[in-house]
N, C-alpha and C. Protein backbone atom coordinates (compact mmCIF):
# COMPACT_ATOMS: atom_id res chain seq x y z
N VAL A 1 130.73 1.01 -102.11
CA VAL A 1 131.40 1.50 -100.92
C VAL A 1 130.38 1.75 -99.83
N VAL A 2 129.29 2.40 -100.15
CA VAL A 2 128.27 2.72 -99.15
C VAL A 2 127.61 1.46 -98.64
N ALA A 3 127.24 0.55 -99.54
CA ALA A 3 126.57 -0.69 -99.13
C ALA A 3 127.45 -1.49 -98.19
N ARG A 4 128.74 -1.56 -98.49
CA ARG A 4 129.66 -2.30 -97.63
C ARG A 4 129.77 -1.63 -96.25
N SER A 5 129.87 -0.32 -96.22
CA SER A 5 129.96 0.40 -94.96
C SER A 5 128.70 0.24 -94.13
N LEU A 6 127.54 0.24 -94.79
CA LEU A 6 126.28 0.00 -94.08
C LEU A 6 126.27 -1.40 -93.49
N ALA A 7 126.71 -2.39 -94.28
CA ALA A 7 126.72 -3.77 -93.82
C ALA A 7 127.69 -3.96 -92.66
N GLU A 8 128.83 -3.29 -92.69
CA GLU A 8 129.83 -3.40 -91.62
C GLU A 8 129.41 -2.65 -90.36
N GLY A 9 128.48 -1.71 -90.51
CA GLY A 9 128.05 -0.92 -89.37
C GLY A 9 128.87 0.34 -89.14
N SER A 10 129.83 0.61 -90.02
CA SER A 10 130.63 1.83 -89.87
C SER A 10 129.90 3.06 -90.41
N LEU A 11 128.79 2.81 -91.10
CA LEU A 11 127.95 3.89 -91.63
C LEU A 11 126.51 3.53 -91.32
N ARG A 12 125.74 4.49 -90.89
CA ARG A 12 124.34 4.23 -90.56
C ARG A 12 123.43 5.10 -91.41
N ALA A 13 122.32 4.52 -91.81
CA ALA A 13 121.31 5.26 -92.56
C ALA A 13 120.38 5.95 -91.57
N VAL A 14 120.18 7.23 -91.75
CA VAL A 14 119.31 8.01 -90.88
C VAL A 14 118.15 8.52 -91.72
N PRO A 15 116.93 8.06 -91.42
CA PRO A 15 115.79 8.54 -92.20
C PRO A 15 115.51 10.01 -91.90
N VAL A 16 115.45 10.80 -92.94
CA VAL A 16 115.22 12.23 -92.81
C VAL A 16 114.15 12.64 -93.80
N GLU A 17 113.16 13.36 -93.32
CA GLU A 17 112.13 13.91 -94.19
C GLU A 17 112.58 15.30 -94.63
N LEU A 18 112.82 15.44 -95.91
CA LEU A 18 113.22 16.74 -96.44
C LEU A 18 112.01 17.44 -97.04
N PRO A 19 111.91 18.74 -96.83
CA PRO A 19 110.78 19.46 -97.42
C PRO A 19 110.91 19.51 -98.94
N LYS A 20 109.77 19.50 -99.61
CA LYS A 20 109.77 19.61 -101.07
C LYS A 20 110.15 21.04 -101.44
N ARG A 21 110.98 21.16 -102.46
CA ARG A 21 111.43 22.48 -102.90
C ARG A 21 111.04 22.69 -104.35
N ASP A 22 110.77 23.91 -104.69
CA ASP A 22 110.51 24.29 -106.07
C ASP A 22 111.75 24.99 -106.61
N PHE A 23 112.10 24.65 -107.83
CA PHE A 23 113.25 25.26 -108.48
C PHE A 23 112.82 25.87 -109.80
N ALA A 24 113.58 26.83 -110.27
CA ALA A 24 113.32 27.46 -111.56
C ALA A 24 114.58 27.35 -112.40
N MET A 25 114.38 27.21 -113.70
CA MET A 25 115.51 27.17 -114.62
C MET A 25 115.46 28.43 -115.47
N ILE A 26 116.53 29.16 -115.45
CA ILE A 26 116.61 30.41 -116.21
C ILE A 26 117.43 30.16 -117.47
N THR A 27 116.90 30.57 -118.60
CA THR A 27 117.62 30.41 -119.86
C THR A 27 117.69 31.75 -120.59
N HIS A 28 118.65 31.86 -121.47
CA HIS A 28 118.82 33.07 -122.26
C HIS A 28 117.89 32.98 -123.47
N ARG A 29 117.08 33.98 -123.67
CA ARG A 29 116.08 33.92 -124.75
C ARG A 29 116.70 33.92 -126.14
N ASP A 30 117.92 34.44 -126.27
CA ASP A 30 118.54 34.51 -127.59
C ASP A 30 119.50 33.36 -127.88
N ARG A 31 119.58 32.39 -126.98
CA ARG A 31 120.48 31.26 -127.19
C ARG A 31 119.71 29.96 -127.18
N GLN A 32 120.13 29.06 -128.06
CA GLN A 32 119.51 27.74 -128.12
C GLN A 32 120.10 26.88 -127.00
N ALA A 33 119.27 26.08 -126.37
CA ALA A 33 119.73 25.22 -125.28
C ALA A 33 120.66 24.13 -125.82
N SER A 34 121.71 23.84 -125.05
CA SER A 34 122.64 22.78 -125.44
C SER A 34 122.01 21.42 -125.13
N LEU A 35 122.60 20.36 -125.66
CA LEU A 35 122.10 19.02 -125.37
C LEU A 35 122.16 18.73 -123.88
N ALA A 36 123.20 19.21 -123.22
CA ALA A 36 123.33 19.01 -121.78
C ALA A 36 122.21 19.72 -121.03
N GLN A 37 121.89 20.94 -121.43
CA GLN A 37 120.79 21.67 -120.80
C GLN A 37 119.46 20.96 -121.01
N MET A 38 119.23 20.48 -122.22
CA MET A 38 117.97 19.78 -122.51
C MET A 38 117.88 18.49 -121.71
N ALA A 39 119.00 17.77 -121.57
CA ALA A 39 119.01 16.53 -120.80
C ALA A 39 118.75 16.81 -119.33
N LEU A 40 119.36 17.86 -118.79
CA LEU A 40 119.14 18.22 -117.39
C LEU A 40 117.68 18.59 -117.16
N LYS A 41 117.12 19.38 -118.06
CA LYS A 41 115.71 19.78 -117.92
C LYS A 41 114.80 18.56 -117.98
N ALA A 42 115.08 17.63 -118.89
CA ALA A 42 114.27 16.41 -118.99
C ALA A 42 114.39 15.58 -117.72
N HIS A 43 115.59 15.50 -117.18
CA HIS A 43 115.81 14.74 -115.95
C HIS A 43 115.04 15.37 -114.78
N LEU A 44 115.13 16.67 -114.65
CA LEU A 44 114.50 17.35 -113.53
C LEU A 44 112.98 17.35 -113.63
N THR A 45 112.44 17.32 -114.82
CA THR A 45 110.99 17.33 -114.98
C THR A 45 110.42 15.93 -115.09
N GLY A 46 111.28 14.91 -114.99
CA GLY A 46 110.80 13.53 -115.04
C GLY A 46 110.53 13.03 -116.44
N LYS A 47 111.01 13.73 -117.44
CA LYS A 47 110.76 13.34 -118.83
C LYS A 47 111.99 12.68 -119.45
N ALA A 48 112.98 12.36 -118.65
CA ALA A 48 114.23 11.79 -119.17
C ALA A 48 114.00 10.42 -119.80
N ASP A 49 113.15 9.59 -119.21
CA ASP A 49 112.89 8.26 -119.76
C ASP A 49 112.23 8.36 -121.13
N ALA A 50 111.29 9.28 -121.28
CA ALA A 50 110.62 9.45 -122.57
C ALA A 50 111.59 9.99 -123.61
N LEU A 51 112.48 10.87 -123.20
CA LEU A 51 113.47 11.43 -124.11
C LEU A 51 114.46 10.35 -124.54
N ALA A 52 114.89 9.51 -123.63
CA ALA A 52 115.85 8.45 -123.94
C ALA A 52 115.25 7.40 -124.86
N SER A 53 113.98 7.07 -124.66
CA SER A 53 113.35 6.05 -125.50
C SER A 53 113.05 6.58 -126.90
N ALA A 54 112.97 7.90 -127.06
CA ALA A 54 112.70 8.49 -128.37
C ALA A 54 113.94 8.47 -129.25
N GLU A 55 115.12 8.33 -128.64
CA GLU A 55 116.37 8.34 -129.41
C GLU A 55 116.61 7.04 -130.00
């Protein structure tokens, strides 16, 4: 949808420099992380490819 709109000219790409942000992940010390939480953490830290290839 986006590619077609860009090609038609009804949508324009605007280059924007966004500042780098730091985020923190808070977890409960008495609970084990779910698979979804572990996948999100791997994705955010750039380790998702290594995690996927290990499976």
